[in-house]
Amino acid sequence: MTELFGLPAHPFLVHAAVVLTPLIAVVTAIAMIRPVWRVRAGWWIVAAGVFAQICLLLAKSSGEAFQEAIDLPVERHATLAETTVVLGFLFVAATAAAVFLSRRRVRAVRRDGSGEDWASPASTSAAAVSVLMAVLLVVWVARTGHTGAEVVWDGVLPGS
């Protein structure tokens, strides 16, 4: 995808990734705090994570096409973008694992009638990894966006 509305697609798609990905990561991290929240938010947060990942992939793909059309030094930006996409995949995988394990635990608790202990070591660990991936993803989205902005605005703003 190289163009939207006759303009380069990358600036449009980047804004979706830069706004939605951190928002979804923060909401997911909050949902991971308590097992009951993981279960209730369930597959909705996983679907939101997949949507954020699609935004990241579209932004990266359009950026590669845009890089071919312009002559700017974007190697560092491109490297950070690749890492961001990988972190996005890990974030979605950890979130899906945490939701799956939490929901599985709830079914087991309801079957044996052992009470409200919804947390298991596996679901808690997966939730912790999901939160860690959420934090790393937000940091890498910010770093990637910042290096992209530096490429675009270098020498344009007063004092640059």
C-alpha atoms as a PDB file:
ATOM      1  CA  MET A   1       0.000   0.000   0.000  1.00  0.00           C
ATOM      2  CA  THR A   2       1.701   3.177  -1.165  1.00  0.00           C
ATOM      3  CA  GLU A   3      -1.030   5.821  -1.470  1.00  0.00           C
ATOM      4  CA  LEU A   4      -4.261   6.912   0.190  1.00  0.00           C
ATOM      5  CA  PHE A   5      -6.278   9.782  -1.264  1.00  0.00           C
ATOM      6  CA  GLY A   6      -3.428  10.553  -3.659  1.00  0.00           C
ATOM      7  CA  LEU A   7      -0.934  11.046  -0.809  1.00  0.00           C
ATOM      8  CA  PRO A   8       1.673   8.702   0.682  1.00  0.00           C
ATOM      9  CA  ALA A   9      -0.124   6.146   2.876  1.00  0.00           C
ATOM     10  CA  HIS A  10       2.570   6.008   5.551  1.00  0.00           C
ATOM     11  CA  PRO A  11       1.650   9.223   7.423  1.00  0.00           C
ATOM     12  CA  PHE A  12      -2.005   8.156   7.607  1.00  0.00           C
ATOM     13  CA  LEU A  13      -1.283   4.626   8.768  1.00  0.00           C
ATOM     14  CA  VAL A  14       1.418   5.672  11.217  1.00  0.00           C
ATOM     15  CA  HIS A  15      -1.013   7.858  13.125  1.00  0.00           C
ATOM     16  CA  ALA A  16      -3.390   4.923  13.595  1.00  0.00           C
ATOM     17  CA  ALA A  17      -0.548   2.764  14.917  1.00  0.00           C
ATOM     18  CA  VAL A  18       0.906   5.485  17.146  1.00  0.00           C
ATOM     19  CA  VAL A  19      -2.435   6.322  18.767  1.00  0.00           C
ATOM     20  CA  LEU A  20      -4.189   2.952  18.943  1.00  0.00           C
ATOM     21  CA  THR A  21      -1.296   0.678  19.875  1.00  0.00           C
ATOM     22  CA  PRO A  22      -0.348   2.443  23.140  1.00  0.00           C
ATOM     23  CA  LEU A  23      -4.015   2.897  24.035  1.00  0.00           C
ATOM     24  CA  ILE A  24      -4.739  -0.801  23.536  1.00  0.00           C
ATOM     25  CA  ALA A  25      -1.534  -1.767  25.378  1.00  0.00           C
ATOM     26  CA  VAL A  26      -2.459   0.345  28.423  1.00  0.00           C
ATOM     27  CA  VAL A  27      -6.033  -0.995  28.543  1.00  0.00           C
ATOM     28  CA  THR A  28      -4.710  -4.542  28.219  1.00  0.00           C
ATOM     29  CA  ALA A  29      -2.145  -4.007  30.981  1.00  0.00           C
ATOM     30  CA  ILE A  30      -4.925  -2.779  33.275  1.00  0.00           C
ATOM     31  CA  ALA A  31      -7.074  -5.802  32.396  1.00  0.00           C
ATOM     32  CA  MET A  32      -4.164  -8.124  33.213  1.00  0.00           C
ATOM     33  CA  ILE A  33      -3.946  -6.890  36.813  1.00  0.00           C
ATOM     34  CA  ARG A  34      -6.773  -9.052  38.155  1.00  0.00           C
ATOM     35  CA  PRO A  35      -7.782 -12.513  36.947  1.00  0.00           C
ATOM     36  CA  VAL A  36     -11.473 -11.593  36.953  1.00  0.00           C
ATOM     37  CA  TRP A  37     -10.739  -8.624  34.663  1.00  0.00           C
ATOM     38  CA  ARG A  38      -8.768 -10.887  32.322  1.00  0.00           C
ATOM     39  CA  VAL A  39     -11.725 -13.226  32.084  1.00  0.00           C
ATOM     40  CA  ARG A  40     -14.321 -10.488  31.632  1.00  0.00           C
ATOM     41  CA  ALA A  41     -12.314  -8.536  29.052  1.00  0.00           C
ATOM     42  CA  GLY A  42     -11.370 -11.866  27.532  1.00  0.00           C
ATOM     43  CA  TRP A  43     -11.073 -12.181  23.833  1.00  0.00           C
ATOM     44  CA  TRP A  44     -12.032  -8.516  23.292  1.00  0.00           C
ATOM     45  CA  ILE A  45      -8.593  -7.389  24.439  1.00  0.00           C
ATOM     46  CA  VAL A  46      -6.956 -10.057  22.307  1.00  0.00           C
ATOM     47  CA  ALA A  47      -8.955  -8.851  19.281  1.00  0.00           C
ATOM     48  CA  ALA A  48      -7.940  -5.267  20.046  1.00  0.00           C
ATOM     49  CA  GLY A  49      -4.310  -6.391  20.231  1.00  0.00           C
ATOM     50  CA  VAL A  50      -4.622  -8.107  16.857  1.00  0.00           C
ATOM     51  CA  PHE A  51      -6.099  -4.899  15.427  1.00  0.00           C
ATOM     52  CA  ALA A  52      -3.167  -2.901  16.831  1.00  0.00           C
ATOM     53  CA  GLN A  53      -0.770  -5.423  15.305  1.00  0.00           C
ATOM     54  CA  ILE A  54      -2.458  -5.025  11.916  1.00  0.00           C
ATOM     55  CA  CYS A  55      -2.024  -1.243  12.236  1.00  0.00           C
ATOM     56  CA  LEU A  56       1.676  -1.756  13.030  1.00  0.00           C
ATOM     57  CA  LEU A  57       2.140  -4.086  10.061  1.00  0.00           C
ATOM     58  CA  LEU A  58       0.376  -1.667   7.697  1.00  0.00           C
ATOM     59  CA  ALA A  59       2.473   1.231   8.973  1.00  0.00           C
ATOM     60  CA  LYS A  60       5.683  -0.775   8.511  1.00  0.00           C
ATOM     61  CA  SER A  61       4.684  -1.982   5.051  1.00  0.00           C
ATOM     62  CA  SER A  62       3.710   1.500   3.885  1.00  0.00           C
ATOM     63  CA  GLY A  63       6.915   2.851   5.409  1.00  0.00           C
ATOM     64  CA  GLU A  64       8.995   0.444   3.342  1.00  0.00           C
ATOM     65  CA  ALA A  65       7.190   1.607   0.205  1.00  0.00           C
ATOM     66  CA  PHE A  66       7.593   5.241   1.262  1.00  0.00           C
ATOM     67  CA  GLN A  67      11.314   4.713   1.924  1.00  0.00           C
ATOM     68  CA  GLU A  68      11.787   3.679  -1.703  1.00  0.00           C
ATOM     69  CA  ALA A  69      10.065   6.865  -2.899  1.00  0.00           C
ATOM     70  CA  ILE A  70      12.114   9.305  -0.791  1.00  0.00           C
ATOM     71  CA  ASP A  71      15.793   9.833  -0.230  1.00  0.00           C
ATOM     72  CA  LEU A  72      16.088  10.219   3.537  1.00  0.00           C
ATOM     73  CA  PRO A  73      18.257   8.339   6.071  1.00  0.00           C
ATOM     74  CA  VAL A  74      15.741   6.046   7.753  1.00  0.00           C
ATOM     75  CA  GLU A  75      17.841   3.018   8.699  1.00  0.00           C
ATOM     76  CA  ARG A  76      17.495   3.525  12.468  1.00  0.00           C
ATOM     77  CA  HIS A  77      13.772   4.231  12.121  1.00  0.00           C
ATOM     78  CA  ALA A  78      13.290   1.085  10.006  1.00  0.00           C
ATOM     79  CA  THR A  79      15.223  -1.043  12.508  1.00  0.00           C
ATOM     80  CA  LEU A  80      13.100   0.242  15.390  1.00  0.00           C
ATOM     81  CA  ALA A  81       9.944  -0.410  13.342  1.00  0.00           C
ATOM     82  CA  GLU A  82      10.978  -4.044  12.825  1.00  0.00           C
ATOM     83  CA  THR A  83      11.517  -4.471  16.567  1.00  0.00           C
ATOM     84  CA  THR A  84       8.162  -2.817  17.272  1.00  0.00           C
ATOM     85  CA  VAL A  85       6.362  -5.304  15.033  1.00  0.00           C
ATOM     86  CA  VAL A  86       8.064  -8.233  16.787  1.00  0.00           C
ATOM     87  CA  LEU A  87       7.131  -6.819  20.195  1.00  0.00           C
ATOM     88  CA  GLY A  88       3.566  -6.436  18.933  1.00  0.00           C
ATOM     89  CA  PHE A  89       3.428 -10.134  18.041  1.00  0.00           C
ATOM     90  CA  LEU A  90       4.836 -11.083  21.454  1.00  0.00           C
ATOM     91  CA  PHE A  91       2.332  -8.779  23.171  1.00  0.00           C
ATOM     92  CA  VAL A  92      -0.624 -10.380  21.364  1.00  0.00           C
ATOM     93  CA  ALA A  93       0.686 -13.895  22.050  1.00  0.00           C
ATOM     94  CA  ALA A  94       1.214 -13.228  25.768  1.00  0.00           C
ATOM     95  CA  THR A  95      -2.191 -11.583  26.065  1.00  0.00           C
ATOM     96  CA  ALA A  96      -3.896 -14.495  24.303  1.00  0.00           C
ATOM     97  CA  ALA A  97      -2.081 -16.960  26.583  1.00  0.00           C
ATOM     98  CA  ALA A  98      -3.105 -15.028  29.709  1.00  0.00           C
ATOM     99  CA  VAL A  99      -6.745 -14.874  28.621  1.00  0.00           C
ATOM    100  CA  PHE A 100      -6.809 -18.543  27.598  1.00  0.00           C
ATOM    101  CA  LEU A 101      -5.215 -19.740  30.835  1.00  0.00           C
ATOM    102  CA  SER A 102      -7.438 -17.497  32.982  1.00  0.00           C
ATOM    103  CA  ARG A 103     -10.617 -18.652  31.263  1.00  0.00           C
ATOM    104  CA  ARG A 104      -9.489 -22.285  31.534  1.00  0.00           C
ATOM    105  CA  ARG A 105      -8.860 -21.803  35.246  1.00  0.00           C
ATOM    106  CA  VAL A 106     -12.336 -20.315  35.748  1.00  0.00           C
ATOM    107  CA  ARG A 107     -13.939 -23.307  34.041  1.00  0.00           C
ATOM    108  CA  ALA A 108     -11.961 -25.669  36.296  1.00  0.00           C
ATOM    109  CA  VAL A 109     -12.917 -23.721  39.440  1.00  0.00           C
ATOM    110  CA  ARG A 110     -16.590 -23.731  38.470  1.00  0.00           C
ATOM    111  CA  ARG A 111     -16.502 -27.472  37.764  1.00  0.00           C
ATOM    112  CA  ASP A 112     -15.016 -28.533  41.068  1.00  0.00           C
ATOM    113  CA  GLY A 113     -16.752 -25.819  43.133  1.00  0.00           C
ATOM    114  CA  SER A 114     -13.548 -24.818  44.899  1.00  0.00           C
ATOM    115  CA  GLY A 115     -14.475 -21.152  45.235  1.00  0.00           C
ATOM    116  CA  GLU A 116     -13.303 -17.942  43.631  1.00  0.00           C
ATOM    117  CA  ASP A 117      -9.573 -18.627  43.287  1.00  0.00           C
ATOM    118  CA  TRP A 118      -9.332 -17.646  39.629  1.00  0.00           C
ATOM    119  CA  ALA A 119      -5.574 -17.173  39.541  1.00  0.00           C
ATOM    120  CA  SER A 120      -3.174 -19.920  38.631  1.00  0.00           C
ATOM    121  CA  PRO A 121       0.610 -19.599  38.469  1.00  0.00           C
ATOM    122  CA  ALA A 122       0.512 -20.074  34.695  1.00  0.00           C
ATOM    123  CA  SER A 123      -2.166 -17.431  34.071  1.00  0.00           C
ATOM    124  CA  THR A 124      -0.464 -14.999  36.444  1.00  0.00           C
ATOM    125  CA  SER A 125       2.869 -15.516  34.698  1.00  0.00           C
ATOM    126  CA  ALA A 126       1.330 -15.026  31.256  1.00  0.00           C
ATOM    127  CA  ALA A 127      -0.403 -11.877  32.502  1.00  0.00           C
ATOM    128  CA  ALA A 128       2.909 -10.550  33.846  1.00  0.00           C
ATOM    129  CA  VAL A 129       4.570 -11.202  30.484  1.00  0.00           C
ATOM    130  CA  SER A 130       1.667  -9.457  28.745  1.00  0.00           C
ATOM    131  CA  VAL A 131       2.120  -6.380  30.953  1.00  0.00           C
ATOM    132  CA  LEU A 132       5.874  -6.405  30.309  1.00  0.00           C
ATOM    133  CA  MET A 133       5.266  -6.676  26.555  1.00  0.00           C
ATOM    134  CA  ALA A 134       2.705  -3.846  26.774  1.00  0.00           C
ATOM    135  CA  VAL A 135       5.256  -1.566  28.433  1.00  0.00           C
ATOM    136  CA  LEU A 136       7.991  -2.481  25.949  1.00  0.00           C
ATOM    137  CA  LEU A 137       5.584  -2.017  23.039  1.00  0.00           C
ATOM    138  CA  VAL A 138       4.591   1.478  24.167  1.00  0.00           C
ATOM    139  CA  VAL A 139       8.249   2.439  24.608  1.00  0.00           C
ATOM    140  CA  TRP A 140       9.187   1.093  21.178  1.00  0.00           C
ATOM    141  CA  VAL A 141       6.235   2.757  19.456  1.00  0.00           C
ATOM    142  CA  ALA A 142       7.352   6.056  21.008  1.00  0.00           C
ATOM    143  CA  ARG A 143      10.997   5.510  20.017  1.00  0.00           C
ATOM    144  CA  THR A 144      10.057   4.508  16.484  1.00  0.00           C
ATOM    145  CA  GLY A 145       7.719   7.464  16.090  1.00  0.00           C
ATOM    146  CA  HIS A 146      10.315   9.839  17.477  1.00  0.00           C
ATOM    147  CA  THR A 147      13.014   8.709  15.059  1.00  0.00           C
ATOM    148  CA  GLY A 148      10.537   9.005  12.185  1.00  0.00           C
ATOM    149  CA  ALA A 149       9.668  12.534  13.249  1.00  0.00           C
ATOM    150  CA  GLU A 150      13.365  13.392  13.470  1.00  0.00           C
ATOM    151  CA  VAL A 151      13.851  12.209   9.880  1.00  0.00           C
ATOM    152  CA  VAL A 152      10.929  14.296   8.626  1.00  0.00           C
ATOM    153  CA  TRP A 153      11.532  17.444  10.649  1.00  0.00           C
ATOM    154  CA  ASP A 154      15.346  17.533  10.813  1.00  0.00           C
ATOM    155  CA  GLY A 155      16.434  20.995   9.723  1.00  0.00           C
ATOM    156  CA  VAL A 156      12.851  22.189   9.150  1.00  0.00           C
ATOM    157  CA  LEU A 157      12.117  23.546  12.602  1.00  0.00           C
ATOM    158  CA  PRO A 158      13.904  26.654  13.914  1.00  0.00           C
ATOM    159  CA  GLY A 159      16.936  25.726  15.984  1.00  0.00           C
ATOM    160  CA  SER A 160      17.334  22.340  14.280  1.00  0.00           C
END
